[in-house]
Amino acid sequence: MADTKQHFDIPLHDIKPIVDIQEYSLYFLLGISFFVLLVVLGIIYLIYKYIKAKNAYNIRVEHFKIINSLDLSDTKNAAYTITSLGFTFRGDSERHSEMYDNLVQRLESYKYKREVDEFDSEVMGYIGVYKGMIDV
């Protein structure tokens, strides 16, 4: 039994040794995926803000609707309602503030009595002018 072992250390002349190749495609894929994810999340956030702003409760619009639909034949209730809800629009400008103060002063005589008469034409005119001044 002489030498039955084989030697596998045969030199290869036509085959080059293995060379390390730098492969960046995984990093490109992860970078592009992250960028696309950020863009999609940004779009979703903008849509959410738009829907939230569209459905937001606007107290000025609600008070304007209540003042415009107010029954002026119920004098006492109308005087209290105009005084409380009209305060919302008082800070819009100096003219609004003066008009509100003037209107509240004229409505005082209709608020603190047990029985009150209908609004006179002057107060009705002031109420109409104040309604017309309101910008929503």
N, C-alpha and C. Protein backbone atom coordinates (compact mmCIF):
# COMPACT_ATOMS: atom_id res chain seq x y z
N MET A 1 0.82 -1.15 0.00
CA MET A 1 0.00 0.00 0.00
C MET A 1 0.88 1.23 0.00
N ALA A 2 1.29 1.34 -0.98
CA ALA A 2 2.24 2.43 -1.08
C ALA A 2 1.52 3.76 -0.97
N ASP A 3 1.59 4.58 -1.76
CA ASP A 3 1.05 5.93 -1.64
C ASP A 3 -0.27 6.02 -2.39
N THR A 4 -1.40 5.79 -1.72
CA THR A 4 -2.71 5.83 -2.36
C THR A 4 -3.42 7.17 -2.18
N LYS A 5 -2.83 8.08 -1.52
CA LYS A 5 -3.45 9.39 -1.32
C LYS A 5 -3.34 10.22 -2.59
N GLN A 6 -4.39 10.98 -2.87
CA GLN A 6 -4.35 11.89 -3.99
C GLN A 6 -4.02 13.29 -3.48
N HIS A 7 -3.38 14.01 -4.31
CA HIS A 7 -3.07 15.39 -3.97
C HIS A 7 -3.96 16.31 -4.80
N PHE A 8 -4.67 17.20 -4.11
CA PHE A 8 -5.58 18.13 -4.79
C PHE A 8 -4.96 19.51 -4.96
N ASP A 9 -3.78 19.66 -4.71
CA ASP A 9 -3.10 20.93 -4.84
C ASP A 9 -2.54 21.11 -6.25
N ILE A 10 -3.36 20.86 -7.21
CA ILE A 10 -2.93 21.00 -8.58
C ILE A 10 -3.07 22.48 -8.95
N PRO A 11 -2.08 23.10 -9.46
CA PRO A 11 -2.19 24.51 -9.82
C PRO A 11 -3.10 24.70 -11.03
N LEU A 12 -4.00 25.68 -10.92
CA LEU A 12 -4.92 25.99 -12.01
C LEU A 12 -4.35 27.19 -12.76
N HIS A 13 -4.19 27.04 -14.03
CA HIS A 13 -3.54 28.09 -14.80
C HIS A 13 -4.55 28.99 -15.50
N ASP A 14 -5.75 28.50 -15.85
CA ASP A 14 -6.71 29.28 -16.63
C ASP A 14 -7.75 30.00 -15.77
N ILE A 15 -7.90 29.67 -14.52
CA ILE A 15 -8.94 30.23 -13.68
C ILE A 15 -8.31 31.24 -12.71
N LYS A 16 -8.90 32.46 -12.71
CA LYS A 16 -8.38 33.52 -11.84
C LYS A 16 -8.91 33.32 -10.43
N PRO A 17 -8.22 33.83 -9.44
CA PRO A 17 -8.71 33.70 -8.06
C PRO A 17 -9.94 34.59 -7.84
N ILE A 18 -10.72 34.30 -6.83
CA ILE A 18 -11.94 35.03 -6.50
C ILE A 18 -11.57 36.44 -6.06
N VAL A 19 -12.29 37.42 -6.63
CA VAL A 19 -12.03 38.82 -6.33
C VAL A 19 -13.27 39.39 -5.61
N ASP A 20 -13.07 40.21 -4.58
CA ASP A 20 -14.19 40.85 -3.88
C ASP A 20 -14.71 42.00 -4.74
N ILE A 21 -16.02 42.01 -4.99
CA ILE A 21 -16.67 43.07 -5.75
C ILE A 21 -17.57 43.83 -4.79
N GLN A 22 -17.43 45.14 -4.78
CA GLN A 22 -18.27 45.97 -3.91
C GLN A 22 -19.66 46.08 -4.52
N GLU A 23 -20.66 45.61 -3.80
CA GLU A 23 -22.05 45.59 -4.27
C GLU A 23 -22.86 46.55 -3.39
N TYR A 24 -23.39 47.60 -3.99
CA TYR A 24 -24.13 48.61 -3.24
C TYR A 24 -25.62 48.58 -3.54
N SER A 25 -26.12 47.63 -4.27
CA SER A 25 -27.52 47.64 -4.65
C SER A 25 -28.45 47.51 -3.44
N LEU A 26 -28.04 46.79 -2.40
CA LEU A 26 -28.87 46.68 -1.20
C LEU A 26 -29.00 48.05 -0.52
N TYR A 27 -27.91 48.79 -0.46
CA TYR A 27 -27.96 50.11 0.15
C TYR A 27 -28.81 51.08 -0.68
N PHE A 28 -28.70 50.98 -2.01
CA PHE A 28 -29.55 51.80 -2.87
C PHE A 28 -31.02 51.46 -2.65
N LEU A 29 -31.34 50.19 -2.57
CA LEU A 29 -32.72 49.76 -2.35
C LEU A 29 -33.25 50.28 -1.01
N LEU A 30 -32.45 50.14 0.04
CA LEU A 30 -32.88 50.63 1.36
C LEU A 30 -33.04 52.15 1.36
N GLY A 31 -32.14 52.88 0.72
CA GLY A 31 -32.22 54.34 0.67
C GLY A 31 -33.45 54.81 -0.08
N ILE A 32 -33.70 54.23 -1.24
CA ILE A 32 -34.88 54.60 -2.03
C ILE A 32 -36.16 54.23 -1.30
N SER A 33 -36.17 53.06 -0.65
CA SER A 33 -37.36 52.64 0.11
C SER A 33 -37.64 53.61 1.25
N PHE A 34 -36.60 54.03 1.94
CA PHE A 34 -36.76 54.98 3.05
C PHE A 34 -37.28 56.32 2.53
N PHE A 35 -36.76 56.79 1.43
CA PHE A 35 -37.20 58.05 0.83
C PHE A 35 -38.66 57.98 0.40
N VAL A 36 -39.05 56.89 -0.24
CA VAL A 36 -40.44 56.71 -0.67
C VAL A 36 -41.36 56.63 0.55
N LEU A 37 -40.92 55.96 1.59
CA LEU A 37 -41.72 55.87 2.82
C LEU A 37 -41.92 57.26 3.43
N LEU A 38 -40.87 58.08 3.45
CA LEU A 38 -41.01 59.45 3.97
C LEU A 38 -41.99 60.27 3.13
N VAL A 39 -41.92 60.14 1.81
CA VAL A 39 -42.82 60.89 0.94
C VAL A 39 -44.27 60.45 1.17
N VAL A 40 -44.49 59.14 1.26
CA VAL A 40 -45.85 58.63 1.48
C VAL A 40 -46.38 59.08 2.83
N LEU A 41 -45.56 59.02 3.88
CA LEU A 41 -46.00 59.49 5.20
C LEU A 41 -46.29 60.99 5.19
N GLY A 42 -45.49 61.76 4.45
CA GLY A 42 -45.75 63.20 4.32
C GLY A 42 -47.07 63.48 3.64
N ILE A 43 -47.37 62.74 2.59
CA ILE A 43 -48.64 62.92 1.87
C ILE A 43 -49.81 62.54 2.77
N ILE A 44 -49.67 61.44 3.50
CA ILE A 44 -50.74 61.02 4.42
C ILE A 44 -50.96 62.09 5.50
N TYR A 45 -49.87 62.67 6.01
CA TYR A 45 -49.99 63.73 7.02
C TYR A 45 -50.70 64.95 6.46
N LEU A 46 -50.36 65.35 5.25
CA LEU A 46 -51.01 66.52 4.64
C LEU A 46 -52.49 66.26 4.39
N ILE A 47 -52.85 65.07 3.96
CA ILE A 47 -54.26 64.72 3.77
C ILE A 47 -55.00 64.76 5.11
N TYR A 48 -54.37 64.24 6.16
CA TYR A 48 -54.97 64.25 7.50
C TYR A 48 -55.20 65.69 7.97
N LYS A 49 -54.20 66.57 7.80
CA LYS A 49 -54.36 67.96 8.23
C LYS A 49 -55.46 68.66 7.43
N TYR A 50 -55.56 68.37 6.13
CA TYR A 50 -56.60 68.98 5.30
C TYR A 50 -57.99 68.55 5.77
N ILE A 51 -58.16 67.27 6.02
CA ILE A 51 -59.47 66.77 6.46
C ILE A 51 -59.81 67.32 7.84
N LYS A 52 -58.82 67.38 8.71
CA LYS A 52 -59.06 67.90 10.06
C LYS A 52 -59.44 69.38 10.02
N ALA A 53 -58.75 70.16 9.17
CA ALA A 53 -59.07 71.59 9.06
C ALA A 53 -60.43 71.81 8.41
N LYS A 54 -60.78 70.93 7.49
CA LYS A 54 -62.06 71.06 6.80
C LYS A 54 -63.23 70.80 7.75
N ASN A 55 -63.05 69.86 8.66
CA ASN A 55 -64.12 69.48 9.57
C ASN A 55 -64.01 70.16 10.94
N ALA A 56 -63.12 71.11 11.06
CA ALA A 56 -62.92 71.77 12.35
C ALA A 56 -64.14 72.61 12.73
N TYR A 57 -64.39 72.66 14.01
CA TYR A 57 -65.49 73.45 14.54
C TYR A 57 -65.07 74.91 14.58
N ASN A 58 -65.83 75.76 13.91
CA ASN A 58 -65.53 77.19 13.87
C ASN A 58 -66.60 77.92 14.66
N ILE A 59 -66.22 78.43 15.82
CA ILE A 59 -67.19 79.06 16.72
C ILE A 59 -67.74 80.35 16.11
N ARG A 60 -66.95 81.04 15.30
CA ARG A 60 -67.44 82.27 14.67
C ARG A 60 -68.58 81.98 13.70
N VAL A 61 -68.43 80.93 12.91
CA VAL A 61 -69.48 80.57 11.96
C VAL A 61 -70.74 80.15 12.70
N GLU A 62 -70.58 79.37 13.76
CA GLU A 62 -71.74 78.92 14.53
C GLU A 62 -72.46 80.10 15.18
N HIS A 63 -71.72 81.02 15.77
CA HIS A 63 -72.35 82.20 16.41
C HIS A 63 -73.02 83.08 15.37
N PHE A 64 -72.41 83.21 14.19
CA PHE A 64 -73.02 84.00 13.11
C PHE A 64 -74.34 83.38 12.67
N LYS A 65 -74.38 82.07 12.54
CA LYS A 65 -75.62 81.39 12.15
C LYS A 65 -76.71 81.59 13.20
N ILE A 66 -76.34 81.49 14.47
CA ILE A 66 -77.32 81.64 15.55
C ILE A 66 -77.85 83.08 15.58
N ILE A 67 -76.97 84.05 15.43
CA ILE A 67 -77.42 85.45 15.45
C ILE A 67 -78.34 85.74 14.26
N ASN A 68 -78.01 85.23 13.09
CA ASN A 68 -78.84 85.48 11.91
C ASN A 68 -80.19 84.77 11.97
N SER A 69 -80.25 83.63 12.63
CA SER A 69 -81.51 82.90 12.70
C SER A 69 -82.28 83.20 13.98
N LEU A 70 -81.89 84.23 14.69
CA LEU A 70 -82.50 84.57 15.97
C LEU A 70 -83.91 85.13 15.78
N ASP A 71 -84.83 84.68 16.62
CA ASP A 71 -86.21 85.17 16.59
C ASP A 71 -86.25 86.48 17.39
N LEU A 72 -86.39 87.59 16.69
CA LEU A 72 -86.38 88.90 17.35
C LEU A 72 -87.71 89.25 18.00
N SER A 73 -88.73 88.41 17.81
CA SER A 73 -90.01 88.68 18.47
C SER A 73 -89.93 88.31 19.96
N ASP A 74 -89.04 87.38 20.32
CA ASP A 74 -88.78 87.06 21.72
C ASP A 74 -87.69 88.02 22.21
N THR A 75 -88.12 89.20 22.60
CA THR A 75 -87.22 90.33 22.82
C THR A 75 -86.18 90.06 23.90
N LYS A 76 -86.60 89.55 25.03
CA LYS A 76 -85.68 89.37 26.15
C LYS A 76 -84.60 88.34 25.80
N ASN A 77 -85.02 87.20 25.26
CA ASN A 77 -84.06 86.15 24.88
C ASN A 77 -83.13 86.64 23.77
N ALA A 78 -83.67 87.38 22.82
CA ALA A 78 -82.85 87.90 21.72
C ALA A 78 -81.81 88.90 22.25
N ALA A 79 -82.19 89.74 23.21
CA ALA A 79 -81.25 90.71 23.77
C ALA A 79 -80.09 89.99 24.47
N TYR A 80 -80.40 88.97 25.26
CA TYR A 80 -79.35 88.21 25.94
C TYR A 80 -78.46 87.48 24.93
N THR A 81 -79.07 86.87 23.92
CA THR A 81 -78.30 86.10 22.94
C THR A 81 -77.40 87.00 22.12
N ILE A 82 -77.91 88.13 21.67
CA ILE A 82 -77.08 89.06 20.87
C ILE A 82 -75.93 89.58 21.72
N THR A 83 -76.19 89.85 22.99
CA THR A 83 -75.12 90.35 23.87
C THR A 83 -74.03 89.30 24.06
N SER A 84 -74.42 88.05 24.31
CA SER A 84 -73.41 87.03 24.59
C SER A 84 -72.69 86.55 23.32
N LEU A 85 -73.42 86.32 22.23
CA LEU A 85 -72.79 85.81 21.02
C LEU A 85 -72.13 86.91 20.20
N GLY A 86 -72.61 88.12 20.32
CA GLY A 86 -72.01 89.23 19.58
C GLY A 86 -70.62 89.57 20.08
N PHE A 87 -70.31 89.18 21.31
CA PHE A 87 -68.99 89.44 21.88
C PHE A 87 -67.90 88.73 21.09
N THR A 88 -68.25 87.64 20.41
CA THR A 88 -67.29 86.89 19.59
C THR A 88 -66.68 87.77 18.52
N PHE A 89 -67.45 88.69 17.96
CA PHE A 89 -67.01 89.50 16.84
C PHE A 89 -66.52 90.89 17.27
N ARG A 90 -66.49 91.15 18.54
CA ARG A 90 -66.16 92.46 19.05
C ARG A 90 -64.74 92.87 18.71
N GLY A 91 -63.81 91.96 18.75
CA GLY A 91 -62.40 92.29 18.54
C GLY A 91 -61.98 92.36 17.09
N ASP A 92 -62.91 92.27 16.15
CA ASP A 92 -62.53 92.28 14.74
C ASP A 92 -61.89 93.61 14.33
N SER A 93 -62.47 94.70 14.78
CA SER A 93 -61.91 96.01 14.46
C SER A 93 -62.42 97.00 15.50
N GLU A 94 -61.94 98.22 15.40
CA GLU A 94 -62.39 99.27 16.31
C GLU A 94 -63.86 99.59 16.07
N ARG A 95 -64.27 99.56 14.81
CA ARG A 95 -65.69 99.82 14.49
C ARG A 95 -66.59 98.76 15.10
N HIS A 96 -66.17 97.49 15.02
CA HIS A 96 -66.97 96.41 15.62
C HIS A 96 -67.10 96.61 17.13
N SER A 97 -66.00 96.99 17.75
CA SER A 97 -66.02 97.20 19.20
C SER A 97 -66.97 98.33 19.58
N GLU A 98 -66.88 99.43 18.87
CA GLU A 98 -67.78 100.56 19.16
C GLU A 98 -69.23 100.18 18.90
N MET A 99 -69.48 99.50 17.81
CA MET A 99 -70.85 99.11 17.46
C MET A 99 -71.40 98.13 18.49
N TYR A 100 -70.57 97.19 18.92
CA TYR A 100 -71.01 96.22 19.92
C TYR A 100 -71.34 96.93 21.24
N ASP A 101 -70.48 97.80 21.68
CA ASP A 101 -70.72 98.53 22.93
C ASP A 101 -72.00 99.36 22.83
N ASN A 102 -72.22 100.02 21.70
CA ASN A 102 -73.42 100.82 21.49
C ASN A 102 -74.66 99.92 21.49
N LEU A 103 -74.57 98.77 20.84
CA LEU A 103 -75.71 97.85 20.77
C LEU A 103 -76.03 97.27 22.15
N VAL A 104 -75.00 96.90 22.90
CA VAL A 104 -75.23 96.37 24.25
C VAL A 104 -75.87 97.43 25.13
N GLN A 105 -75.45 98.65 24.99
CA GLN A 105 -76.03 99.73 25.78
C GLN A 105 -77.52 99.90 25.44
N ARG A 106 -77.88 99.78 24.19
CA ARG A 106 -79.29 99.90 23.78
C ARG A 106 -80.10 98.67 24.19
N LEU A 107 -79.46 97.51 24.28
CA LEU A 107 -80.18 96.29 24.67
C LEU A 107 -80.36 96.16 26.18
N GLU A 108 -79.66 96.95 26.97
CA GLU A 108 -79.77 96.88 28.43
C GLU A 108 -81.20 97.05 28.90
N SER A 109 -81.93 97.91 28.26
CA SER A 109 -83.30 98.19 28.72
C SER A 109 -84.24 97.02 28.44
N TYR A 110 -83.82 96.06 27.63
CA TYR A 110 -84.67 94.91 27.30
C TYR A 110 -84.30 93.67 28.09
N LYS A 111 -83.26 93.72 28.89
CA LYS A 111 -82.78 92.50 29.52
C LYS A 111 -83.26 92.29 30.96
N TYR A 112 -83.28 93.29 31.77
CA TYR A 112 -83.44 93.07 33.20
C TYR A 112 -84.84 93.36 33.72
N LYS A 113 -85.82 93.30 32.86
CA LYS A 113 -87.20 93.52 33.28
C LYS A 113 -87.97 92.22 33.15
N ARG A 114 -89.04 92.15 33.94
CA ARG A 114 -89.88 90.96 33.88
C ARG A 114 -90.66 90.92 32.57
N GLU A 115 -91.26 92.01 32.21
CA GLU A 115 -92.03 92.14 30.96
C GLU A 115 -91.36 93.20 30.10
N VAL A 116 -91.11 92.88 28.85
CA VAL A 116 -90.46 93.85 27.95
C VAL A 116 -91.29 94.01 26.69
N ASP A 117 -91.18 95.18 26.08
CA ASP A 117 -91.87 95.45 24.82
C ASP A 117 -91.03 94.92 23.67
N GLU A 118 -91.59 95.01 22.48
CA GLU A 118 -90.86 94.63 21.26
C GLU A 118 -89.73 95.63 21.03
N PHE A 119 -88.73 95.22 20.26
CA PHE A 119 -87.64 96.13 19.91
C PHE A 119 -88.21 97.31 19.13
N ASP A 120 -87.75 98.51 19.44
CA ASP A 120 -88.17 99.65 18.63
C ASP A 120 -87.35 99.68 17.34
N SER A 121 -87.74 100.53 16.42
CA SER A 121 -87.12 100.53 15.09
C SER A 121 -85.64 100.92 15.15
N GLU A 122 -85.27 101.77 16.09
CA GLU A 122 -83.87 102.17 16.20
C GLU A 122 -82.98 100.99 16.60
N VAL A 123 -83.42 100.22 17.59
CA VAL A 123 -82.65 99.04 18.03
C VAL A 123 -82.64 97.99 16.92
N MET A 124 -83.75 97.81 16.23
CA MET A 124 -83.78 96.86 15.11
C MET A 124 -82.78 97.28 14.03
N GLY A 125 -82.66 98.57 13.79
CA GLY A 125 -81.69 99.08 12.82
C GLY A 125 -80.26 98.79 13.27
N TYR A 126 -79.97 98.99 14.56
CA TYR A 126 -78.64 98.71 15.08
C TYR A 126 -78.32 97.22 14.98
N ILE A 127 -79.31 96.38 15.27
CA ILE A 127 -79.10 94.93 15.16
C ILE A 127 -78.81 94.56 13.71
N GLY A 128 -79.55 95.12 12.79
CA GLY A 128 -79.33 94.84 11.37
C GLY A 128 -77.96 95.30 10.89
N VAL A 129 -77.54 96.48 11.33
CA VAL A 129 -76.22 96.99 10.95
C VAL A 129 -75.11 96.10 11.53
N TYR A 130 -75.30 95.67 12.78
CA TYR A 130 -74.28 94.81 13.41
C TYR A 130 -74.20 93.47 12.69
N LYS A 131 -75.33 92.92 12.31
CA LYS A 131 -75.33 91.66 11.54
C LYS A 131 -74.62 91.84 10.21
N GLY A 132 -74.82 92.98 9.59
CA GLY A 132 -74.19 93.25 8.30
C GLY A 132 -72.69 93.49 8.40
N MET A 133 -72.23 93.94 9.55
CA MET A 133 -70.79 94.19 9.73
C MET A 133 -69.98 92.92 9.95
N ILE A 134 -70.65 91.87 10.38
CA ILE A 134 -69.94 90.65 10.76
C ILE A 134 -69.38 89.95 9.51
N ASP A 135 -68.08 89.67 9.54
CA ASP A 135 -67.42 88.91 8.48
C ASP A 135 -66.98 87.58 9.06
N VAL A 136 -67.39 86.50 8.39
CA VAL A 136 -67.00 85.18 8.88
C VAL A 136 -66.07 84.54 7.89
